[in-house]
Protein backbone atom coordinates (compact mmCIF):
# COMPACT_ATOMS: atom_id res chain seq x y z
CA UNK A 1 108.90 98.41 99.71
CA UNK A 2 112.49 97.43 99.08
CA UNK A 3 113.60 98.08 95.52
CA UNK A 4 116.79 96.10 95.18
CA UNK A 5 119.09 97.41 92.45
CA UNK A 6 120.67 95.15 89.86
CA UNK A 7 124.35 94.75 90.55
CA UNK A 8 126.29 96.08 87.53
CA UNK A 9 129.23 93.72 88.10
CA UNK A 10 127.27 90.48 88.08
CA UNK A 11 126.51 88.52 84.93
CA UNK A 12 123.90 85.79 85.31
CA UNK A 13 126.07 83.12 83.77
CA UNK A 14 128.85 83.76 86.34
CA UNK A 15 131.32 83.83 83.46
CA UNK A 16 135.08 84.03 83.89
CA UNK A 17 135.02 87.59 82.57
CA UNK A 18 132.52 88.57 85.25
CA UNK A 19 134.60 86.93 87.99
CA UNK A 20 137.73 88.70 86.80
CA UNK A 21 135.90 92.02 86.82
CA UNK A 22 134.79 91.56 90.41
CA UNK A 23 138.25 90.50 91.59
CA UNK A 24 139.75 93.62 90.07
CA UNK A 25 137.42 95.72 92.22
CA UNK A 26 137.88 93.83 95.47
CA UNK A 27 140.96 95.78 96.56
CA UNK A 28 139.33 97.12 99.70
CA UNK A 29 135.94 98.04 101.06
CA UNK A 30 134.79 100.60 103.56
CA UNK A 31 132.25 98.01 104.69
CA UNK A 32 135.10 95.72 105.74
CA UNK A 33 136.93 98.46 107.66
CA UNK A 34 140.10 97.76 105.67
CA UNK A 35 142.02 100.77 104.39
CA UNK A 36 144.82 101.28 101.92
CA UNK A 37 147.05 104.31 102.49
CA UNK A 38 146.88 106.30 99.26
CA UNK A 39 147.85 109.74 100.42
CA UNK A 40 150.90 111.97 100.45
CA UNK A 41 152.50 111.15 103.79
CA UNK A 42 154.48 114.38 103.85
CA UNK A 43 151.50 116.29 105.21
CA UNK A 44 150.40 114.63 108.44
CA UNK A 45 147.64 117.13 109.08
CA UNK A 46 145.94 116.41 105.78
CA UNK A 47 146.54 112.68 106.10
CA UNK A 48 145.37 112.06 109.65
CA UNK A 49 142.59 114.60 110.18
CA UNK A 50 139.15 113.04 110.45
CA UNK A 51 136.40 114.53 108.34
CA UNK A 52 134.10 116.67 110.47
CA UNK A 53 130.72 115.01 109.97
CA UNK A 54 128.96 117.83 111.85
CA UNK A 55 129.61 120.59 109.35
CA UNK A 56 130.78 121.09 105.76
CA UNK A 57 132.97 124.04 106.72
CA UNK A 58 135.30 125.60 104.16
CA UNK A 59 138.17 123.78 105.89
CA UNK A 60 136.39 120.42 105.56
CA UNK A 61 135.59 121.01 101.89
CA UNK A 62 139.20 121.94 101.14
CA UNK A 63 140.43 118.85 103.00
CA UNK A 64 138.14 116.67 100.87
CA UNK A 65 139.38 118.42 97.72
CA UNK A 66 142.99 117.89 98.77
CA UNK A 67 142.52 114.20 99.46
CA UNK A 68 140.64 113.51 96.24
CA UNK A 69 143.30 115.22 94.15
CA UNK A 70 146.42 114.03 95.97
CA UNK A 71 145.62 110.33 96.29
CA UNK A 72 146.50 107.82 93.62
CA UNK A 73 143.78 106.72 91.24
CA UNK A 74 143.49 102.95 90.90
CA UNK A 75 144.34 101.93 87.35
CA UNK A 76 142.12 98.90 87.02
CA UNK A 77 142.98 96.75 84.02
CA UNK A 78 139.57 95.90 82.63
CA UNK A 79 139.10 93.99 79.41
CA UNK A 80 136.56 96.24 77.74
CA UNK A 81 134.37 94.85 74.97
CA UNK A 82 135.89 96.42 71.87
CA UNK A 83 133.38 94.94 69.42
CA UNK A 84 132.16 98.52 69.13
CA UNK A 85 133.76 101.75 70.28
CA UNK A 86 133.91 101.91 74.08
CA UNK A 87 131.64 104.76 75.16
CA UNK A 88 132.14 107.22 78.01
CA UNK A 89 129.80 108.33 80.77
CA UNK A 90 130.09 110.38 83.94
CA UNK A 91 128.29 110.47 87.27
CA UNK A 92 128.29 112.97 90.12
CA UNK A 93 128.46 112.00 93.79
CA UNK A 94 126.76 115.08 95.29
CA UNK A 95 127.88 116.18 98.75
CA UNK A 96 125.29 118.48 100.29
CA UNK A 97 123.79 119.87 103.47
CA UNK A 98 120.32 118.57 104.37
CA UNK A 99 118.62 119.67 107.59
CA UNK A 100 121.91 121.17 108.69
CA UNK A 101 123.80 117.87 108.32
CA UNK A 102 126.58 116.94 105.84
CA UNK A 103 125.01 114.37 103.52
CA UNK A 104 125.23 112.59 100.19
CA UNK A 105 122.38 112.89 97.68
CA UNK A 106 121.07 109.84 95.80
CA UNK A 107 118.45 109.28 93.14
CA UNK A 108 116.13 106.36 92.42
CA UNK A 109 115.87 105.68 88.72
CA UNK A 110 112.45 105.95 87.12
CA UNK A 111 110.34 102.84 86.64
CA UNK A 112 109.77 103.95 83.04
CA UNK A 113 113.40 103.68 81.93
CA UNK A 114 114.48 100.77 79.74
CA UNK A 115 117.34 99.69 82.00
CA UNK A 116 118.20 99.69 85.71
CA UNK A 117 114.68 100.70 86.75
CA UNK A 118 114.21 101.46 90.42
CA UNK A 119 117.91 101.39 91.21
CA UNK A 120 119.62 103.68 93.70
CA UNK A 121 122.17 105.71 91.79
CA UNK A 122 124.04 108.97 91.40
CA UNK A 123 123.00 111.50 88.74
CA UNK A 124 124.82 110.83 85.49
CA UNK A 125 124.75 109.50 81.97
CA UNK A 126 126.48 109.17 78.62
CA UNK A 127 128.74 111.86 77.27
CA UNK A 128 127.17 113.91 74.49
CA UNK A 129 129.16 115.10 71.49
CA UNK A 130 128.48 118.66 72.64
CA UNK A 131 129.96 118.09 76.11
CA UNK A 132 133.39 119.80 76.26
CA UNK A 133 134.53 117.45 79.04
CA UNK A 134 133.38 114.54 81.17
CA UNK A 135 133.02 116.92 84.09
CA UNK A 136 130.56 118.85 81.91
CA UNK A 137 128.70 115.60 81.29
CA UNK A 138 128.29 114.97 85.02
CA UNK A 139 127.09 118.53 85.62
CA UNK A 140 124.69 118.51 82.66
CA UNK A 141 123.15 115.20 83.67
CA UNK A 142 122.77 116.39 87.26
CA UNK A 143 120.89 119.47 86.07
CA UNK A 144 118.70 117.41 83.73
CA UNK A 145 117.85 114.84 86.41
CA UNK A 146 117.48 116.83 89.63
CA UNK A 147 117.42 120.47 88.50
CA UNK A 148 120.57 121.66 90.28
CA UNK A 149 122.52 123.95 87.90
CA UNK A 150 126.31 123.72 87.42
CA UNK A 151 126.74 127.16 88.98
CA UNK A 152 125.63 125.73 92.33
CA UNK A 153 128.08 122.81 92.30
CA UNK A 154 131.76 122.95 93.24
CA UNK A 155 133.60 120.01 91.67
CA UNK A 156 136.08 118.75 94.27
CA UNK A 157 137.73 115.92 92.36
CA UNK A 158 137.31 112.64 90.51
CA UNK A 159 137.54 108.98 91.49
CA UNK A 160 138.90 106.03 89.53
CA UNK A 161 137.25 105.09 86.23
CA UNK A 162 135.04 102.00 86.36
CA UNK A 163 133.19 99.92 83.73
CA UNK A 164 129.50 99.23 83.31
CA UNK A 165 128.28 95.65 83.65
CA UNK A 166 128.82 94.83 79.97
CA UNK A 167 132.29 96.43 79.87
CA UNK A 168 131.15 98.57 76.94
CA UNK A 169 131.41 101.90 78.74
CA UNK A 170 133.91 103.76 80.94
CA UNK A 171 132.26 105.50 83.90
CA UNK A 172 134.01 108.60 85.29
CA UNK A 173 132.85 109.43 88.85
CA UNK A 174 133.11 113.06 89.98
CA UNK A 175 132.57 114.39 93.49
CA UNK A 176 130.88 117.77 93.85
CA UNK A 177 129.66 119.94 96.71
CA UNK A 178 126.27 121.63 96.36
CA UNK A 179 126.92 125.12 97.69
CA UNK A 180 123.49 125.80 99.18
CA UNK A 181 121.48 123.77 101.74
CA UNK A 182 118.93 121.42 100.19
CA UNK A 183 115.31 120.74 101.05
CA UNK A 184 114.74 117.23 99.70
CA UNK A 185 111.01 117.84 99.37
CA UNK A 186 111.59 120.83 97.10
CA UNK A 187 113.98 119.23 94.61
CA UNK A 188 112.40 119.61 91.18
CA UNK A 189 113.55 116.31 89.67
CA UNK A 190 112.76 115.01 86.20
CA UNK A 191 110.01 112.41 86.62
CA UNK A 192 110.85 110.85 83.25
CA UNK A 193 114.28 109.84 84.57
CA UNK A 194 113.98 109.89 88.35
CA UNK A 195 111.47 108.12 90.60
CA UNK A 196 112.63 109.93 93.74
CA UNK A 197 115.54 111.45 95.63
CA UNK A 198 116.85 110.97 99.14
CA UNK A 199 119.92 111.76 101.21
CA UNK A 200 122.01 109.88 103.75
CA UNK A 201 124.14 111.74 106.28
CA UNK A 202 127.89 111.39 106.04
CA UNK A 203 127.88 110.25 109.67
CA UNK A 204 125.62 107.31 108.80
CA UNK A 205 127.65 106.36 105.74
CA UNK A 206 130.84 106.31 107.81
CA UNK A 207 129.19 104.15 110.47
CA UNK A 208 130.37 100.58 109.91
CA UNK A 209 127.23 99.27 111.60
CA UNK A 210 125.31 100.71 108.63
CA UNK A 211 127.40 98.90 106.01
CA UNK A 212 128.07 95.26 105.31
CA UNK A 213 129.30 92.71 102.81
CA UNK A 214 127.03 91.08 100.27
CA UNK A 215 127.81 87.86 98.46
CA UNK A 216 126.93 86.85 94.92
CA UNK A 217 124.98 83.63 94.38
CA UNK A 218 127.20 80.54 94.07
CA UNK A 219 130.31 82.67 94.57
CA UNK A 220 132.78 83.63 97.29
CA UNK A 221 133.05 87.12 95.84
CA UNK A 222 131.70 89.96 97.98
CA UNK A 223 130.59 93.53 97.44
CA UNK A 224 129.82 96.48 99.76
CA UNK A 225 126.25 97.35 100.74
CA UNK A 226 125.15 100.53 102.51
CA UNK A 227 121.84 100.92 104.30
CA UNK A 228 119.57 103.74 103.18
CA UNK A 229 116.23 105.13 104.39
CA UNK A 230 112.91 103.33 103.81
CA UNK A 231 114.50 99.92 103.31
CA UNK A 232 116.63 100.86 100.32
CA UNK A 233 120.13 99.45 99.91
CA UNK A 234 122.99 101.10 98.05
CA UNK A 235 125.08 98.54 96.18
CA UNK A 236 126.41 97.73 92.71
CA UNK A 237 128.34 100.44 90.88
CA UNK A 238 126.97 103.20 93.10
CA UNK A 239 128.20 101.40 96.23
CA UNK A 240 131.65 100.78 94.72
CA UNK A 241 132.01 104.49 93.92
CA UNK A 242 130.67 105.53 97.33
CA UNK A 243 132.96 103.07 99.11
CA UNK A 244 136.02 104.23 97.19
CA UNK A 245 135.35 107.94 97.77
CA UNK A 246 134.70 107.44 101.49
CA UNK A 247 138.09 105.79 101.82
CA UNK A 248 139.81 108.66 100.11
CA UNK A 249 138.17 111.49 102.00
CA UNK A 250 138.16 109.82 105.42
CA UNK A 251 141.14 107.44 105.66
């Protein structure tokens, strides 16, 4: 059964604020095969090398780290709702090896949660007062949701900050590599927060035949969609983060 996630950048009333938010994010999309050059051109090897989708070798991991940390972060100018203090949250895009293949790990949010039930997402959540950093938030939430401890995750870099649908929260996306191969069937996830977990190979995510544009109702505005196993689709905030990171690590 297809569980279609709610798009975090779409407000039902199609308000001007919502339209502006979408336009700010429509700089480029991996689904459209349009790329912006964001990298230090002084190092041709690091700029032009294709990511090896067959193996997360130490060289590949270091190339991903280099690209994430040397490219420019987009400074989107969002009009956050300042009625109350704008909160902070962090998510982790987990790179991993599943069945010997470089992959990205995703979660499906529990049907028992109050918001965004059944959505495809990355592990993450709000920053706690006890979190020393937003990176710590991403690692803590990952451990709480899917049981992978911080000691097993190598943080490679961070992507541009994005808002939630209500513009009341800043979302900080981190990219991390899980150091040990994963057996999806043995992940001890938190059933109170997570309905299930699955992975998609990096090769599939970089295949343009597996990605496409979606269009909002009564609007010309588009958003990226990635195909996932069992009829799931990756879109909304998760797709924007995924799309942005793919561009940076595989220009």
